[in-house]
């Protein structure tokens, strides 16, 4: 039976969840005043237990959705995309799916449900004894067990972690996990290249309110050895100091020894700051040296900055945006624009490059791609925050099926997954251009016909400045209007407030 058919009888599971929501409504309307202190504490304990048990049910549902590829019914290409966009759990999708991976009952080749990978952990979650955060720690510790550890010890380690997880908080459980790892491989002899390859990684965190970012990494021995040499040279005292105009920049071998010695005398940076500045200089060297090639998704592999004309003229205003989605203070954007290899896109004046190719070419030109960076800011599919640098250009009126032209007003930025999610099938999205209003010229996405919510959507995630301005204007219109009350205060009246009416006379 097709998903979402109105004539189909409601499945038992949906009916049960409706009754669950009704019960939650009933609980929310029940005052706690009738409870004694002891009863109230018991309520909190039972609430926590119920929340933990829900994770076990969530894992069962996600396994079924993944096995049946049911996520395609709402226009998603993967179960991860479903979790991030439909369940709105971006930023924690990997953690949630790691929990499912650990405690879910996945089927074998014959369709029979297997035992969970971490069986004791799954039992603890199912009965409400283990929290989701402790599952995260168990997954983290188990993945650090060397590949040379035998299956019996690995199973015992998981059971031990599950035992502790019922009593200890995540921080304490992580410490206990470290002790278990030390016991399994006290001499480090079982750790091999497979383990190092599995644990390596680098993560660039999001920008904070000050536009700063945190970089965390776990380096394999070879990478660490190379980095040590690079930092020893490029992060030497006096080298690549942005606060010292006379500091040698770039390749230390080309620096004047006397100038470098003088700069080192003036250098009061910490080791961490010198490492940061050396890393920045290395990135500039890579960008300017052409090591990234000539194209990435049709865009030049350089820093592409979108900025308004007024911000460029006044050197002030909201942060500029790069094609990768990073935000730059106006001062930094102007400094980048003054240097070679960077691309600055200023809005208002029209470019002289051809942005309308009609049917002469299917692939967008570089000028069109750069123009789309500033107009779209990133993937235009609803709830997607992928940057333009990681995206492609999609024909709104399809090139092959509908003879759509390769014109800038028929092209929209989409990441690879969402570009493939558009089509004529029942489980694919459709796209059109907004004709008028505040979103005129933007792309509107129409959900798949199998999607339970058919509301058209426009992605405004890359235009936070515009949205903020509209919200501010709306808030100003809603502010109370001063009125005078006769007989009080100066000039015969006191200032009071009357809220503006929302009634519109047509």
Protein backbone atom coordinates (compact mmCIF):
# COMPACT_ATOMS: atom_id res chain seq x y z
CA UNK A 1 0.00 0.00 0.00
CA UNK A 2 1.48 3.39 -0.99
CA UNK A 3 2.76 5.70 1.70
CA UNK A 4 0.34 8.47 2.64
CA UNK A 5 -2.75 7.17 0.79
CA UNK A 6 -5.77 8.87 2.41
CA UNK A 7 -8.00 5.83 1.92
CA UNK A 8 -5.66 3.44 3.72
CA UNK A 9 -6.59 2.48 7.30
CA UNK A 10 -4.29 3.99 9.87
CA UNK A 11 -1.58 1.51 10.92
CA UNK A 12 -1.56 0.34 14.52
CA UNK A 13 1.83 1.95 15.16
CA UNK A 14 0.61 5.40 14.09
CA UNK A 15 -2.48 4.96 16.23
CA UNK A 16 -0.28 4.09 19.19
CA UNK A 17 1.80 7.22 18.71
CA UNK A 18 -1.36 9.32 18.53
CA UNK A 19 -2.41 7.85 21.86
CA UNK A 20 1.08 8.55 23.20
CA UNK A 21 0.78 12.22 22.22
CA UNK A 22 -2.66 12.34 23.82
CA UNK A 23 -1.17 10.92 27.01
CA UNK A 24 1.64 13.49 26.89
CA UNK A 25 -0.99 16.22 26.55
CA UNK A 26 -2.74 14.79 29.58
CA UNK A 27 0.51 14.71 31.57
CA UNK A 28 1.36 18.28 30.60
CA UNK A 29 -2.00 19.46 31.95
CA UNK A 30 -1.55 17.67 35.26
CA UNK A 31 -0.20 19.91 38.02
CA UNK A 32 2.57 18.60 40.25
CA UNK A 33 1.16 20.30 43.35
CA UNK A 34 -0.55 17.08 44.47
CA UNK A 35 2.76 15.22 44.52
CA UNK A 36 4.88 14.94 47.62
CA UNK A 37 8.58 15.72 47.30
CA UNK A 38 9.33 12.01 47.10
CA UNK A 39 6.69 11.47 44.42
CA UNK A 40 8.00 14.43 42.42
CA UNK A 41 11.51 12.98 42.44
CA UNK A 42 10.08 9.66 41.28
CA UNK A 43 8.30 11.48 38.44
CA UNK A 44 11.61 12.94 37.25
CA UNK A 45 13.25 9.50 37.40
CA UNK A 46 10.42 7.90 35.41
CA UNK A 47 10.53 10.73 32.87
CA UNK A 48 14.24 10.11 32.30
CA UNK A 49 13.63 6.37 31.98
CA UNK A 50 10.88 6.93 29.39
CA UNK A 51 13.12 9.25 27.37
CA UNK A 52 15.89 6.64 27.33
CA UNK A 53 13.52 3.89 26.19
CA UNK A 54 12.41 6.05 23.26
CA UNK A 55 15.92 5.74 21.80
CA UNK A 56 15.41 1.97 21.46
CA UNK A 57 12.16 2.52 19.56
CA UNK A 58 13.82 5.20 17.41
CA UNK A 59 16.56 2.71 16.47
CA UNK A 60 13.97 0.12 15.38
CA UNK A 61 12.19 2.66 13.17
CA UNK A 62 15.43 3.96 11.62
CA UNK A 63 16.59 0.43 10.77
CA UNK A 64 13.27 -0.22 8.99
CA UNK A 65 13.44 3.13 7.15
CA UNK A 66 17.00 2.39 6.02
CA UNK A 67 16.32 -1.20 4.91
CA UNK A 68 13.23 -0.21 2.90
CA UNK A 69 14.75 3.04 1.55
CA UNK A 70 11.56 4.70 2.81
CA UNK A 71 13.38 8.04 3.03
CA UNK A 72 12.98 8.38 -0.73
CA UNK A 73 9.26 8.98 -0.21
CA UNK A 74 10.08 12.43 1.19
CA UNK A 75 12.64 13.23 -1.51
CA UNK A 76 15.77 12.24 0.46
CA UNK A 77 18.65 10.29 -1.04
CA UNK A 78 20.03 8.76 2.17
CA UNK A 79 18.86 8.04 5.69
CA UNK A 80 21.35 10.66 6.92
CA UNK A 81 19.69 13.25 4.71
CA UNK A 82 16.32 12.24 6.17
CA UNK A 83 17.59 12.74 9.72
CA UNK A 84 19.14 16.13 8.97
CA UNK A 85 16.44 17.66 6.78
CA UNK A 86 13.12 16.03 7.71
CA UNK A 87 13.77 15.28 11.38
CA UNK A 88 15.71 18.55 11.58
CA UNK A 89 18.63 17.01 13.50
CA UNK A 90 21.48 18.59 11.55
CA UNK A 91 24.67 18.67 13.56
CA UNK A 92 23.76 15.53 15.50
CA UNK A 93 22.79 13.16 12.70
CA UNK A 94 26.06 11.21 12.90
CA UNK A 95 25.71 10.79 16.64
CA UNK A 96 22.10 9.60 16.33
CA UNK A 97 22.92 7.14 13.55
CA UNK A 98 25.94 5.86 15.51
CA UNK A 99 23.49 5.01 18.30
CA UNK A 100 21.28 3.20 15.80
CA UNK A 101 24.34 1.37 14.42
CA UNK A 102 25.23 0.23 17.95
CA UNK A 103 21.84 -0.90 19.29
CA UNK A 104 19.74 -1.52 16.16
CA UNK A 105 18.64 -4.99 15.09
CA UNK A 106 19.71 -5.09 11.46
CA UNK A 107 18.55 -7.96 9.20
CA UNK A 108 20.83 -10.54 7.65
CA UNK A 109 20.80 -11.57 3.99
CA UNK A 110 17.66 -13.66 4.58
CA UNK A 111 15.85 -10.81 6.33
CA UNK A 112 16.15 -12.28 9.83
CA UNK A 113 16.89 -9.74 12.56
CA UNK A 114 20.39 -10.07 13.98
CA UNK A 115 21.44 -9.32 17.53
CA UNK A 116 22.56 -5.70 18.04
CA UNK A 117 26.26 -5.06 17.63
CA UNK A 118 26.40 -4.01 21.27
CA UNK A 119 23.87 -6.39 22.78
CA UNK A 120 24.24 -5.44 26.46
CA UNK A 121 24.09 -1.76 25.63
CA UNK A 122 20.91 -2.34 23.63
CA UNK A 123 19.31 -4.12 26.58
CA UNK A 124 20.19 -1.24 28.87
CA UNK A 125 18.67 1.31 26.51
CA UNK A 126 15.51 -0.77 26.02
CA UNK A 127 14.80 -0.94 29.75
CA UNK A 128 15.68 2.72 30.33
CA UNK A 129 18.91 2.09 32.22
CA UNK A 130 21.38 3.62 29.72
CA UNK A 131 21.16 7.12 28.26
CA UNK A 132 21.92 8.15 24.71
CA UNK A 133 24.97 10.14 25.83
CA UNK A 134 26.41 7.02 27.44
CA UNK A 135 25.77 5.07 24.23
CA UNK A 136 27.92 7.71 22.49
CA UNK A 137 30.75 7.04 24.93
CA UNK A 138 30.45 3.26 24.51
CA UNK A 139 30.65 3.63 20.72
CA UNK A 140 33.66 5.94 21.10
CA UNK A 141 35.52 3.52 23.39
CA UNK A 142 34.67 0.39 21.40
CA UNK A 143 36.01 1.96 18.22
CA UNK A 144 39.36 2.50 19.92
CA UNK A 145 39.82 -1.17 20.77
CA UNK A 146 42.75 -2.45 18.66
CA UNK A 147 41.89 -4.75 15.77
CA UNK A 148 44.16 -7.43 17.28
CA UNK A 149 41.96 -7.89 20.36
CA UNK A 150 40.04 -11.18 20.11
CA UNK A 151 36.26 -11.36 19.90
CA UNK A 152 35.77 -12.63 23.45
CA UNK A 153 37.68 -9.71 24.98
CA UNK A 154 35.85 -7.27 22.72
CA UNK A 155 32.47 -8.65 23.82
CA UNK A 156 33.54 -8.55 27.46
CA UNK A 157 34.61 -4.93 27.08
CA UNK A 158 31.20 -3.95 25.69
CA UNK A 159 29.38 -5.78 28.48
CA UNK A 160 31.59 -4.07 31.07
CA UNK A 161 30.94 -0.65 29.58
CA UNK A 162 27.19 -1.34 29.52
CA UNK A 163 27.36 -2.38 33.18
CA UNK A 164 29.10 0.86 34.17
CA UNK A 165 26.83 2.95 31.91
CA UNK A 166 23.85 2.23 34.16
CA UNK A 167 25.53 3.95 37.10
CA UNK A 168 28.05 6.47 35.79
CA UNK A 169 27.77 9.76 33.90
CA UNK A 170 29.40 10.11 30.44
CA UNK A 171 32.59 11.77 31.72
CA UNK A 172 33.18 9.05 34.32
CA UNK A 173 32.29 6.33 31.81
CA UNK A 174 34.89 7.71 29.41
CA UNK A 175 37.55 7.44 32.14
CA UNK A 176 36.49 3.86 32.87
CA UNK A 177 36.65 3.14 29.15
CA UNK A 178 40.26 4.38 29.07
CA UNK A 179 41.11 1.93 31.87
CA UNK A 180 39.48 -0.92 29.93
CA UNK A 181 41.49 -0.03 26.82
CA UNK A 182 44.69 0.04 28.86
CA UNK A 183 43.86 -3.39 30.27
CA UNK A 184 43.19 -4.87 26.82
CA UNK A 185 46.48 -3.61 25.35
CA UNK A 186 48.79 -2.66 28.22
CA UNK A 187 51.95 -2.56 26.11
CA UNK A 188 50.42 -1.07 22.98
CA UNK A 189 51.60 -4.07 20.98
CA UNK A 190 48.16 -4.88 19.54
CA UNK A 191 47.71 -1.46 17.96
CA UNK A 192 48.56 -1.59 14.24
CA UNK A 193 48.12 0.45 11.06
CA UNK A 194 44.47 -0.59 10.76
CA UNK A 195 43.72 1.08 14.10
CA UNK A 196 45.65 4.22 13.23
CA UNK A 197 43.87 4.49 9.88
CA UNK A 198 40.53 4.04 11.61
CA UNK A 199 41.18 6.73 14.21
CA UNK A 200 42.72 9.41 12.00
CA UNK A 201 40.63 12.49 11.28
CA UNK A 202 40.34 16.25 11.24
CA UNK A 203 37.28 18.33 12.04
CA UNK A 204 36.73 22.02 11.39
CA UNK A 205 34.07 23.30 13.78
CA UNK A 206 31.46 25.98 12.96
CA UNK A 207 32.19 29.68 13.34
CA UNK A 208 31.18 31.18 16.66
CA UNK A 209 29.73 34.63 17.37
CA UNK A 210 33.19 36.16 16.86
CA UNK A 211 33.60 34.27 13.55
CA UNK A 212 36.34 32.13 15.08
CA UNK A 213 36.56 28.36 14.42
CA UNK A 214 37.96 25.37 16.32
CA UNK A 215 40.10 22.85 14.45
CA UNK A 216 40.50 19.43 16.08
CA UNK A 217 42.53 16.58 14.64
CA UNK A 218 43.83 13.08 15.37
CA UNK A 219 46.95 12.63 13.27
CA UNK A 220 48.60 9.37 12.29
CA UNK A 221 52.34 9.12 13.07
CA UNK A 222 53.48 9.97 9.55
CA UNK A 223 51.32 13.09 9.33
CA UNK A 224 52.47 14.17 12.79
CA UNK A 225 56.11 13.78 11.78
CA UNK A 226 55.63 15.93 8.68
CA UNK A 227 53.69 18.57 10.61
CA UNK A 228 56.44 18.79 13.21
CA UNK A 229 58.96 19.68 10.49
CA UNK A 230 56.64 22.22 8.84
CA UNK A 231 55.87 24.00 12.12
CA UNK A 232 59.51 23.98 13.16
CA UNK A 233 60.33 26.03 10.05
CA UNK A 234 57.22 28.09 9.25
CA UNK A 235 56.28 28.76 12.90
CA UNK A 236 59.78 29.76 13.97
CA UNK A 237 59.96 32.98 16.04
CA UNK A 238 59.81 35.99 13.74
CA UNK A 239 58.31 34.13 10.79
CA UNK A 240 54.86 34.87 9.30
CA UNK A 241 53.84 37.34 12.01
CA UNK A 242 50.74 39.27 10.85
CA UNK A 243 51.26 41.83 13.66
CA UNK A 244 54.75 42.75 12.43
CA UNK A 245 54.95 44.43 8.98
CA UNK A 246 58.67 43.58 8.79
CA UNK A 247 58.22 39.90 9.56
CA UNK A 248 59.35 37.60 6.72
CA UNK A 249 56.34 36.00 5.01
CA UNK A 250 56.16 32.68 3.20
CA UNK A 251 59.21 30.53 2.53
CA UNK A 252 61.74 30.95 5.36
CA UNK A 253 64.59 29.92 3.05
CA UNK A 254 64.08 33.15 1.11
CA UNK A 255 64.03 35.38 4.18
CA UNK A 256 66.85 37.83 4.98
CA UNK A 257 68.67 36.29 7.99
CA UNK A 258 69.19 39.69 9.63
CA UNK A 259 65.55 40.70 9.15
CA UNK A 260 64.41 37.34 10.52
CA UNK A 261 66.66 37.69 13.58
CA UNK A 262 65.34 41.19 14.26
CA UNK A 263 61.73 39.99 13.84
CA UNK A 264 62.39 37.11 16.23
CA UNK A 265 63.57 39.60 18.87
CA UNK A 266 60.29 41.48 18.56
CA UNK A 267 58.10 38.35 18.42
CA UNK A 268 56.08 37.92 21.63
CA UNK A 269 53.56 35.40 20.25
CA UNK A 270 52.84 32.16 22.07
CA UNK A 271 53.64 28.82 20.41
CA UNK A 272 49.94 28.33 19.66
CA UNK A 273 49.71 31.69 17.89
CA UNK A 274 52.87 31.04 15.88
CA UNK A 275 51.47 27.65 14.81
CA UNK A 276 48.22 29.32 13.74
CA UNK A 277 50.00 32.01 11.72
CA UNK A 278 52.25 29.43 10.06
CA UNK A 279 49.18 27.39 9.09
CA UNK A 280 47.57 30.52 7.62
CA UNK A 281 50.73 31.29 5.62
CA UNK A 282 50.85 27.70 4.33
CA UNK A 283 47.25 27.90 3.14
CA UNK A 284 47.99 31.16 1.34
CA UNK A 285 50.99 29.53 -0.31
CA UNK A 286 48.87 26.59 -1.49
CA UNK A 287 46.16 28.88 -2.88
CA UNK A 288 48.56 31.23 -4.66
CA UNK A 289 50.77 28.42 -5.93
CA UNK A 290 48.06 26.71 -7.98
CA UNK A 291 48.34 23.41 -6.11
CA UNK A 292 44.54 23.03 -6.06
CA UNK A 293 44.22 22.92 -9.85
CA UNK A 294 42.09 25.09 -12.09
CA UNK A 295 38.52 24.20 -11.13
CA UNK A 296 36.32 22.79 -8.37
CA UNK A 297 32.69 22.18 -9.40
CA UNK A 298 33.28 24.80 -12.09
CA UNK A 299 34.48 27.44 -9.61
CA UNK A 300 38.07 28.64 -9.33
CA UNK A 301 39.66 26.98 -6.27
CA UNK A 302 40.36 30.27 -4.54
CA UNK A 303 38.66 32.45 -1.94
CA UNK A 304 35.49 33.83 -3.57
CA UNK A 305 33.93 36.61 -1.51
CA UNK A 306 30.44 38.08 -1.93
CA UNK A 307 30.03 41.62 -0.61
CA UNK A 308 27.61 44.52 -1.13
CA UNK A 309 28.73 47.70 -2.86
CA UNK A 310 27.97 49.86 0.18
CA UNK A 311 29.96 47.58 2.51
CA UNK A 312 32.94 47.75 0.14
CA UNK A 313 32.69 51.54 -0.12
CA UNK A 314 32.26 52.16 3.61
CA UNK A 315 34.38 49.19 4.75
CA UNK A 316 31.71 48.38 7.33
CA UNK A 317 28.55 46.33 7.61
CA UNK A 318 27.49 42.71 7.91
CA UNK A 319 30.21 40.08 7.37
CA UNK A 320 31.02 39.07 3.81
CA UNK A 321 30.38 35.47 2.76
CA UNK A 322 32.70 33.14 0.90
CA UNK A 323 31.73 30.42 -1.55
CA UNK A 324 32.50 27.81 1.11
CA UNK A 325 29.97 29.42 3.46
CA UNK A 326 32.50 31.03 5.82
CA UNK A 327 31.90 34.56 7.09
CA UNK A 328 34.57 37.25 6.90
CA UNK A 329 34.69 40.64 8.66
CA UNK A 330 34.58 43.42 6.06
CA UNK A 331 38.16 44.47 6.90
CA UNK A 332 39.46 40.95 6.15
CA UNK A 333 37.39 40.72 2.97
CA UNK A 334 38.84 43.98 1.63
CA UNK A 335 42.37 42.87 2.50
CA UNK A 336 41.84 39.58 0.65
CA UNK A 337 40.43 41.44 -2.35
CA UNK A 338 43.61 43.50 -2.62
CA UNK A 339 45.73 40.40 -3.12
CA UNK A 340 46.26 38.17 -6.13
CA UNK A 341 44.20 35.07 -6.91
CA UNK A 342 41.20 36.11 -4.83
CA UNK A 343 37.75 36.74 -6.35
CA UNK A 344 35.60 39.60 -5.05
CA UNK A 345 31.97 39.77 -6.18
CA UNK A 346 30.37 43.19 -5.71
CA UNK A 347 26.60 43.48 -6.16
CA UNK A 348 24.71 46.28 -7.91
CA UNK A 349 26.82 46.89 -11.02
CA UNK A 350 26.21 44.25 -13.69
CA UNK A 351 29.04 42.12 -14.96
CA UNK A 352 30.00 42.33 -18.60
CA UNK A 353 30.47 38.60 -18.89
CA UNK A 354 27.83 36.54 -20.68
CA UNK A 355 25.40 34.97 -18.23
CA UNK A 356 22.85 33.78 -20.80
CA UNK A 357 23.99 30.86 -22.94
CA UNK A 358 20.54 29.68 -24.07
CA UNK A 359 20.69 26.24 -25.67
CA UNK A 360 24.22 26.65 -26.97
CA UNK A 361 25.85 25.02 -23.92
CA UNK A 362 24.56 22.64 -21.26
CA UNK A 363 27.26 23.29 -18.66
CA UNK A 364 27.28 26.64 -16.90
CA UNK A 365 30.17 29.01 -17.49
CA UNK A 366 32.54 30.10 -14.77
CA UNK A 367 30.97 33.58 -14.79
CA UNK A 368 27.55 32.04 -14.20
CA UNK A 369 28.86 29.91 -11.36
CA UNK A 370 30.48 32.89 -9.64
CA UNK A 371 27.29 34.94 -10.09
CA UNK A 372 25.25 32.10 -8.55
CA UNK A 373 27.55 32.11 -5.51
CA UNK A 374 26.43 35.60 -4.61
CA UNK A 375 22.78 35.15 -5.51
CA UNK A 376 22.14 31.78 -3.84
CA UNK A 377 24.84 31.51 -1.20
CA UNK A 378 24.68 27.72 -1.26
CA UNK A 379 22.33 24.82 -1.99
CA UNK A 380 18.80 26.17 -2.43
CA UNK A 381 17.04 22.96 -1.39
CA UNK A 382 15.00 23.53 1.80
CA UNK A 383 16.90 23.00 5.06
CA UNK A 384 20.21 22.40 3.28
CA UNK A 385 23.18 24.51 4.39
CA UNK A 386 25.83 23.12 2.01
CA UNK A 387 27.98 25.89 0.59
CA UNK A 388 28.26 26.91 -3.07
CA UNK A 389 31.78 25.51 -3.18
CA UNK A 390 30.42 22.01 -2.52
CA UNK A 391 27.50 22.36 -4.95
CA UNK A 392 26.54 22.15 -8.61
CA UNK A 393 24.24 24.21 -10.86
CA UNK A 394 20.83 22.72 -11.62
CA UNK A 395 18.56 23.65 -14.55
CA UNK A 396 15.16 24.61 -13.07
CA UNK A 397 13.60 23.97 -16.47
CA UNK A 398 15.39 20.73 -17.30
CA UNK A 399 17.91 20.87 -20.16
CA UNK A 400 17.08 17.48 -21.66
CA UNK A 401 13.44 16.87 -20.72
CA UNK A 402 12.07 20.41 -21.17
CA UNK A 403 14.68 22.12 -23.37
CA UNK A 404 15.65 24.44 -20.53
CA UNK A 405 18.21 27.13 -21.38
CA UNK A 406 21.57 27.50 -19.63
CA UNK A 407 20.71 31.02 -18.48
CA UNK A 408 21.53 32.44 -15.07
CA UNK A 409 17.82 32.90 -14.26
CA UNK A 410 17.18 29.21 -15.05
CA UNK A 411 20.08 27.93 -12.95
CA UNK A 412 20.12 27.33 -9.21
CA UNK A 413 22.78 26.09 -6.82
CA UNK A 414 22.24 22.57 -5.47
CA UNK A 415 24.49 20.11 -3.71
CA UNK A 416 25.01 16.80 -5.49
CA UNK A 417 22.48 14.84 -3.43
CA UNK A 418 19.69 17.37 -3.92
CA UNK A 419 20.49 17.84 -7.59
CA UNK A 420 19.84 14.13 -8.08
CA UNK A 421 16.69 14.37 -5.94
CA UNK A 422 14.90 16.48 -8.60
CA UNK A 423 12.90 14.70 -11.28
CA UNK A 424 9.55 13.51 -12.51
CA UNK A 425 9.17 10.42 -10.32
CA UNK A 426 6.73 10.31 -7.44
CA UNK A 427 9.56 10.35 -4.90
CA UNK A 428 11.47 13.29 -6.45
CA UNK A 429 11.30 17.04 -5.92
CA UNK A 430 10.24 19.61 -8.51
CA UNK A 431 11.61 23.15 -8.85
CA UNK A 432 10.14 26.40 -10.19
CA UNK A 433 11.07 30.09 -10.09
CA UNK A 434 9.26 32.49 -7.75
CA UNK A 435 7.57 35.13 -9.91
CA UNK A 436 7.07 37.97 -7.42
CA UNK A 437 7.30 39.01 -3.78
CA UNK A 438 10.35 39.08 -1.52
CA UNK A 439 11.60 35.82 -3.06
CA UNK A 440 11.19 36.88 -6.69
CA UNK A 441 13.82 35.20 -8.85
CA UNK A 442 14.55 32.57 -6.22
CA UNK A 443 13.83 28.87 -6.61
CA UNK A 444 10.88 27.24 -4.88
CA UNK A 445 11.06 23.52 -4.17
CA UNK A 446 7.90 21.41 -4.42
CA UNK A 447 7.93 18.24 -2.27
CA UNK A 448 7.60 14.79 -3.87
CA UNK A 449 4.04 13.66 -4.49
CA UNK A 450 4.60 10.94 -1.88
CA UNK A 451 5.60 13.50 0.78
CA UNK A 452 2.97 13.90 3.54
CA UNK A 453 3.43 17.71 3.57
CA UNK A 454 2.94 19.29 0.14
CA UNK A 455 3.84 22.87 1.18
CA UNK A 456 6.24 24.50 -1.35
CA UNK A 457 9.50 25.61 0.25
CA UNK A 458 12.11 28.30 -0.31
CA UNK A 459 15.51 27.97 1.40
CA UNK A 460 16.44 31.19 3.22
CA UNK A 461 19.27 29.68 5.27
CA UNK A 462 21.91 31.47 3.17
CA UNK A 463 20.19 34.86 3.45
CA UNK A 464 20.11 35.38 7.18
CA UNK A 465 20.82 39.09 6.78
CA UNK A 466 17.70 39.62 4.66
CA UNK A 467 15.55 37.55 7.00
CA UNK A 468 16.89 39.40 10.03
CA UNK A 469 16.12 42.76 8.40
CA UNK A 470 12.53 41.71 7.68
CA UNK A 471 12.10 40.38 11.21
CA UNK A 472 13.46 43.63 12.63
CA UNK A 473 11.09 45.66 10.47
CA UNK A 474 8.15 43.50 11.56
CA UNK A 475 9.16 43.91 15.19
CA UNK A 476 9.29 47.69 14.80
CA UNK A 477 5.81 47.71 13.29
CA UNK A 478 4.54 45.70 16.25
CA UNK A 479 5.99 48.07 18.83
CA UNK A 480 3.34 49.83 20.93
CA UNK A 481 2.35 53.37 19.85
CA UNK A 482 2.49 56.13 22.49
CA UNK A 483 -0.94 57.69 23.24
CA UNK A 484 -2.02 60.46 25.58
CA UNK A 485 -4.42 59.98 28.45
CA UNK A 486 -6.27 63.23 29.19
CA UNK A 487 -5.99 64.85 32.58
CA UNK A 488 -2.60 63.43 33.58
CA UNK A 489 1.00 64.44 33.14
CA UNK A 490 2.47 67.36 31.24
CA UNK A 491 0.47 69.09 28.50
CA UNK A 492 -2.71 67.64 29.94
CA UNK A 493 -1.90 63.99 29.27
CA UNK A 494 0.33 61.12 30.33
CA UNK A 495 2.09 58.84 27.93
CA UNK A 496 0.54 55.38 27.69
CA UNK A 497 0.76 52.66 25.02
CA UNK A 498 -1.68 51.15 22.64
CA UNK A 499 -0.76 48.11 20.58
CA UNK A 500 -1.17 48.55 16.85
CA UNK A 501 -4.21 46.78 15.49
CA UNK A 502 -3.64 43.73 13.29
CA UNK A 503 -6.99 44.32 11.57
CA UNK A 504 -6.62 45.17 7.89
CA UNK A 505 -9.42 47.06 6.11
CA UNK A 506 -9.77 45.91 2.51
